[in-house]
Every structure is written in structure tokens, then in C-alpha cells.
């Protein structure tokens, strides 16, 4: 399953942002349009690095599909940043 939304929240002393929902599924439209160029670049990188092309595609797709459920919470000096990928 590909990621559909990212939720970003920032809290700082004296400042609070509401959680922002970013629709990641809208990024698939330009990704599909740029796919031929990306595939050519990946093919050249694989050829130069002597990596199997379909293995590279499989690994990248595995990374994209494993993003849902990611939860990053950073806290420093009273500032909080939360990123969740749904």
C-alpha cells in the first residue's frame, strides 16, 4: 500500500500550529508523468554501478510501500515536531 497522507505538527514555546494533513496521493500525478525520465536515470545509475535494474526497482518500491505507519517525533529545547505517514 502506498502512502496517502502525511500529518505534520509543530509545537514551540508560545507557538502552536494545528496539525497539517498533506495529501501524498496527489504526488503520484507528477510521478507518473516523470516516470519515463526517472526510469532512464535509474537505468544509467544501475549500469554505472553494476546493479541489477529490476532489483533496484523492487527495493525502491518496497521502501515506498513500507512508509505508511511511519511515526517520527523530534523534541529539542521545548520544540516538538511530529510527522506521521498514513
N, C-alpha and C. Protein backbone atom coordinates (compact mmCIF):
# COMPACT_ATOMS: atom_id res chain seq x y z
N UNK A 1 0.84 -1.17 0.00
CA UNK A 1 0.00 0.00 0.00
C UNK A 1 0.89 1.24 0.00
N UNK A 2 0.60 2.15 -0.86
CA UNK A 2 1.40 3.37 -0.95
C UNK A 2 0.90 4.40 0.06
N UNK A 3 1.77 5.31 0.48
CA UNK A 3 1.33 6.33 1.45
C UNK A 3 0.33 7.30 0.82
N UNK A 4 -0.70 7.64 1.59
CA UNK A 4 -1.74 8.53 1.08
C UNK A 4 -1.70 9.91 1.71
N UNK A 5 -1.40 9.98 3.00
CA UNK A 5 -1.39 11.26 3.71
C UNK A 5 -0.17 11.34 4.62
N UNK A 6 0.29 12.56 4.86
CA UNK A 6 1.30 12.83 5.88
C UNK A 6 0.70 13.88 6.81
N UNK A 7 0.86 13.66 8.11
CA UNK A 7 0.36 14.60 9.11
C UNK A 7 1.57 15.23 9.77
N UNK A 8 1.65 16.56 9.71
CA UNK A 8 2.80 17.29 10.25
C UNK A 8 2.29 18.23 11.32
N UNK A 9 2.96 18.21 12.47
CA UNK A 9 2.60 19.11 13.56
C UNK A 9 3.85 19.72 14.17
N UNK A 10 3.80 21.00 14.47
CA UNK A 10 4.94 21.71 15.06
C UNK A 10 4.45 22.45 16.30
N UNK A 11 5.12 22.22 17.42
CA UNK A 11 4.82 22.93 18.67
C UNK A 11 6.10 23.57 19.18
N UNK A 12 6.00 24.83 19.52
CA UNK A 12 7.14 25.55 20.09
C UNK A 12 6.61 26.36 21.29
N UNK A 13 7.50 26.77 22.19
CA UNK A 13 7.03 27.57 23.32
C UNK A 13 6.36 28.87 22.82
N UNK A 14 5.12 29.06 23.19
CA UNK A 14 4.39 30.27 22.79
C UNK A 14 3.85 30.22 21.38
N UNK A 15 3.98 29.09 20.70
CA UNK A 15 3.52 28.99 19.32
C UNK A 15 3.02 27.57 19.08
N UNK A 16 1.82 27.44 18.53
CA UNK A 16 1.26 26.12 18.26
C UNK A 16 0.62 26.12 16.89
N UNK A 17 1.07 25.23 16.03
CA UNK A 17 0.44 25.04 14.74
C UNK A 17 -0.58 23.93 14.84
N UNK A 18 -1.69 24.04 14.18
CA UNK A 18 -2.59 22.87 14.12
C UNK A 18 -1.95 21.81 13.22
N UNK A 19 -2.35 20.59 13.39
CA UNK A 19 -1.83 19.50 12.56
C UNK A 19 -2.21 19.76 11.11
N UNK A 20 -1.24 19.61 10.23
CA UNK A 20 -1.47 19.83 8.80
C UNK A 20 -1.48 18.48 8.10
N UNK A 21 -2.55 18.21 7.36
CA UNK A 21 -2.66 16.97 6.60
C UNK A 21 -2.22 17.26 5.16
N UNK A 22 -1.20 16.57 4.71
CA UNK A 22 -0.69 16.74 3.34
C UNK A 22 -1.11 15.53 2.51
N UNK A 23 -1.84 15.74 1.42
CA UNK A 23 -2.27 14.61 0.59
C UNK A 23 -1.14 14.12 -0.32
N UNK A 24 -0.51 13.02 0.05
CA UNK A 24 0.60 12.49 -0.73
C UNK A 24 0.15 11.82 -2.02
N UNK A 25 -1.12 11.42 -2.07
CA UNK A 25 -1.59 10.75 -3.28
C UNK A 25 -1.57 11.70 -4.48
N UNK A 26 -1.59 13.00 -4.23
CA UNK A 26 -1.51 13.96 -5.34
C UNK A 26 -0.12 13.99 -5.98
N UNK A 27 0.88 13.51 -5.25
CA UNK A 27 2.24 13.45 -5.81
C UNK A 27 2.38 12.36 -6.86
N UNK A 28 1.43 11.42 -6.90
CA UNK A 28 1.51 10.36 -7.89
C UNK A 28 1.25 10.87 -9.30
N UNK A 29 0.53 11.96 -9.44
CA UNK A 29 0.25 12.51 -10.78
C UNK A 29 1.54 12.97 -11.45
N UNK A 30 2.36 13.85 -10.81
CA UNK A 30 3.62 14.20 -11.47
C UNK A 30 4.60 13.03 -11.52
N UNK A 31 4.51 12.11 -10.57
CA UNK A 31 5.41 10.95 -10.59
C UNK A 31 5.15 10.09 -11.82
N UNK A 32 3.88 9.93 -12.18
CA UNK A 32 3.56 9.14 -13.37
C UNK A 32 4.04 9.85 -14.63
N UNK A 33 3.91 11.18 -14.65
CA UNK A 33 4.37 11.93 -15.83
C UNK A 33 5.89 11.91 -15.97
N UNK A 34 6.60 11.89 -14.84
CA UNK A 34 8.06 11.89 -14.87
C UNK A 34 8.67 10.49 -14.89
N UNK A 35 7.83 9.46 -14.83
CA UNK A 35 8.31 8.08 -14.73
C UNK A 35 9.27 7.68 -15.86
N UNK A 36 9.03 8.03 -17.12
CA UNK A 36 9.99 7.62 -18.16
C UNK A 36 11.40 8.20 -17.94
N UNK A 37 11.46 9.45 -17.49
CA UNK A 37 12.76 10.07 -17.25
C UNK A 37 13.45 9.44 -16.04
N UNK A 38 12.66 9.16 -15.01
CA UNK A 38 13.22 8.53 -13.80
C UNK A 38 13.75 7.14 -14.13
N UNK A 39 13.03 6.39 -14.95
CA UNK A 39 13.47 5.05 -15.31
C UNK A 39 14.76 5.08 -16.12
N UNK A 40 14.89 6.06 -17.01
CA UNK A 40 16.14 6.19 -17.78
C UNK A 40 17.29 6.53 -16.85
N UNK A 41 17.09 7.45 -15.92
CA UNK A 41 18.15 7.81 -14.96
C UNK A 41 18.51 6.61 -14.09
N UNK A 42 17.51 5.86 -13.62
CA UNK A 42 17.79 4.66 -12.83
C UNK A 42 18.54 3.62 -13.63
N UNK A 43 18.19 3.47 -14.91
CA UNK A 43 18.90 2.51 -15.76
C UNK A 43 20.36 2.90 -15.91
N UNK A 44 20.64 4.17 -16.09
CA UNK A 44 22.03 4.62 -16.21
C UNK A 44 22.79 4.42 -14.90
N UNK A 45 22.16 4.75 -13.79
CA UNK A 45 22.80 4.57 -12.48
C UNK A 45 23.08 3.09 -12.23
N UNK A 46 22.12 2.24 -12.57
CA UNK A 46 22.32 0.80 -12.39
C UNK A 46 23.43 0.28 -13.29
N UNK A 47 23.50 0.79 -14.51
CA UNK A 47 24.54 0.35 -15.45
C UNK A 47 25.92 0.80 -14.95
N UNK A 48 26.02 2.04 -14.47
CA UNK A 48 27.31 2.54 -13.97
C UNK A 48 27.71 1.85 -12.67
N UNK A 49 26.75 1.56 -11.81
CA UNK A 49 27.05 0.93 -10.53
C UNK A 49 27.02 -0.59 -10.59
N UNK A 50 26.72 -1.14 -11.77
CA UNK A 50 26.64 -2.59 -11.97
C UNK A 50 25.67 -3.23 -10.98
N UNK A 51 24.48 -2.64 -10.94
CA UNK A 51 23.40 -3.13 -10.09
C UNK A 51 22.30 -3.63 -11.00
N UNK A 52 21.62 -4.70 -10.61
CA UNK A 52 20.53 -5.23 -11.42
C UNK A 52 19.36 -4.25 -11.38
N UNK A 53 18.87 -3.90 -12.56
CA UNK A 53 17.83 -2.88 -12.70
C UNK A 53 16.55 -3.26 -11.97
N UNK A 54 16.06 -4.48 -12.20
CA UNK A 54 14.78 -4.88 -11.59
C UNK A 54 14.90 -5.06 -10.09
N UNK A 55 16.10 -5.39 -9.62
CA UNK A 55 16.29 -5.46 -8.17
C UNK A 55 16.20 -4.06 -7.57
N UNK A 56 16.78 -3.07 -8.24
CA UNK A 56 16.72 -1.67 -7.78
C UNK A 56 15.27 -1.19 -7.75
N UNK A 57 14.50 -1.50 -8.79
CA UNK A 57 13.09 -1.11 -8.83
C UNK A 57 12.33 -1.76 -7.68
N UNK A 58 12.59 -3.03 -7.43
CA UNK A 58 11.93 -3.74 -6.34
C UNK A 58 12.25 -3.16 -4.97
N UNK A 59 13.51 -2.79 -4.76
CA UNK A 59 13.92 -2.20 -3.48
C UNK A 59 13.27 -0.84 -3.29
N UNK A 60 13.28 0.00 -4.31
CA UNK A 60 12.66 1.33 -4.20
C UNK A 60 11.16 1.22 -3.96
N UNK A 61 10.49 0.28 -4.65
CA UNK A 61 9.06 0.10 -4.45
C UNK A 61 8.78 -0.41 -3.04
N UNK A 62 9.63 -1.28 -2.53
CA UNK A 62 9.49 -1.77 -1.17
C UNK A 62 9.61 -0.65 -0.14
N UNK A 63 10.53 0.27 -0.38
CA UNK A 63 10.70 1.41 0.53
C UNK A 63 9.45 2.29 0.51
N UNK A 64 8.94 2.59 -0.68
CA UNK A 64 7.75 3.45 -0.79
C UNK A 64 6.55 2.78 -0.12
N UNK A 65 6.38 1.49 -0.31
CA UNK A 65 5.23 0.79 0.26
C UNK A 65 5.35 0.57 1.76
N UNK A 66 6.55 0.68 2.32
CA UNK A 66 6.70 0.49 3.76
C UNK A 66 6.58 1.82 4.53
N UNK A 67 6.40 2.93 3.85
CA UNK A 67 6.28 4.22 4.52
C UNK A 67 5.03 4.39 5.38
N UNK A 68 3.85 3.87 4.99
CA UNK A 68 2.69 4.04 5.87
C UNK A 68 2.95 3.41 7.24
N UNK A 69 2.58 4.13 8.26
CA UNK A 69 2.83 3.68 9.62
C UNK A 69 4.07 4.30 10.23
N UNK A 70 4.81 5.06 9.45
CA UNK A 70 6.00 5.73 9.97
C UNK A 70 5.57 6.88 10.88
N UNK A 71 6.20 6.96 12.04
CA UNK A 71 5.87 7.99 13.02
C UNK A 71 7.19 8.55 13.54
N UNK A 72 7.46 9.82 13.26
CA UNK A 72 8.69 10.48 13.70
C UNK A 72 8.32 11.59 14.66
N UNK A 73 8.92 11.57 15.84
CA UNK A 73 8.66 12.59 16.87
C UNK A 73 10.00 13.12 17.33
N UNK A 74 10.26 14.41 17.08
CA UNK A 74 11.53 15.03 17.45
C UNK A 74 11.25 16.10 18.50
N UNK A 75 11.99 16.07 19.59
CA UNK A 75 11.82 17.05 20.66
C UNK A 75 13.19 17.61 21.01
N UNK A 76 13.32 18.94 20.97
CA UNK A 76 14.59 19.59 21.32
C UNK A 76 14.29 21.00 21.81
N UNK A 77 14.84 21.36 22.94
CA UNK A 77 14.71 22.70 23.51
C UNK A 77 13.26 23.17 23.61
N UNK A 78 12.37 22.27 23.95
CA UNK A 78 10.96 22.64 24.11
C UNK A 78 10.19 22.67 22.79
N UNK A 79 10.85 22.45 21.69
CA UNK A 79 10.18 22.41 20.39
C UNK A 79 9.84 20.96 20.04
N UNK A 80 8.68 20.75 19.51
CA UNK A 80 8.24 19.41 19.12
C UNK A 80 7.86 19.41 17.64
N UNK A 81 8.32 18.40 16.93
CA UNK A 81 7.92 18.20 15.54
C UNK A 81 7.44 16.75 15.42
N UNK A 82 6.25 16.59 14.89
CA UNK A 82 5.68 15.26 14.72
C UNK A 82 5.34 15.07 13.24
N UNK A 83 5.80 13.95 12.67
CA UNK A 83 5.47 13.60 11.29
C UNK A 83 4.95 12.17 11.30
N UNK A 84 3.75 11.99 10.81
CA UNK A 84 3.16 10.65 10.67
C UNK A 84 2.78 10.45 9.21
N UNK A 85 3.09 9.28 8.70
CA UNK A 85 2.70 8.97 7.31
C UNK A 85 1.63 7.89 7.39
N UNK A 86 0.49 8.19 6.81
CA UNK A 86 -0.67 7.27 6.85
C UNK A 86 -0.88 6.61 5.51
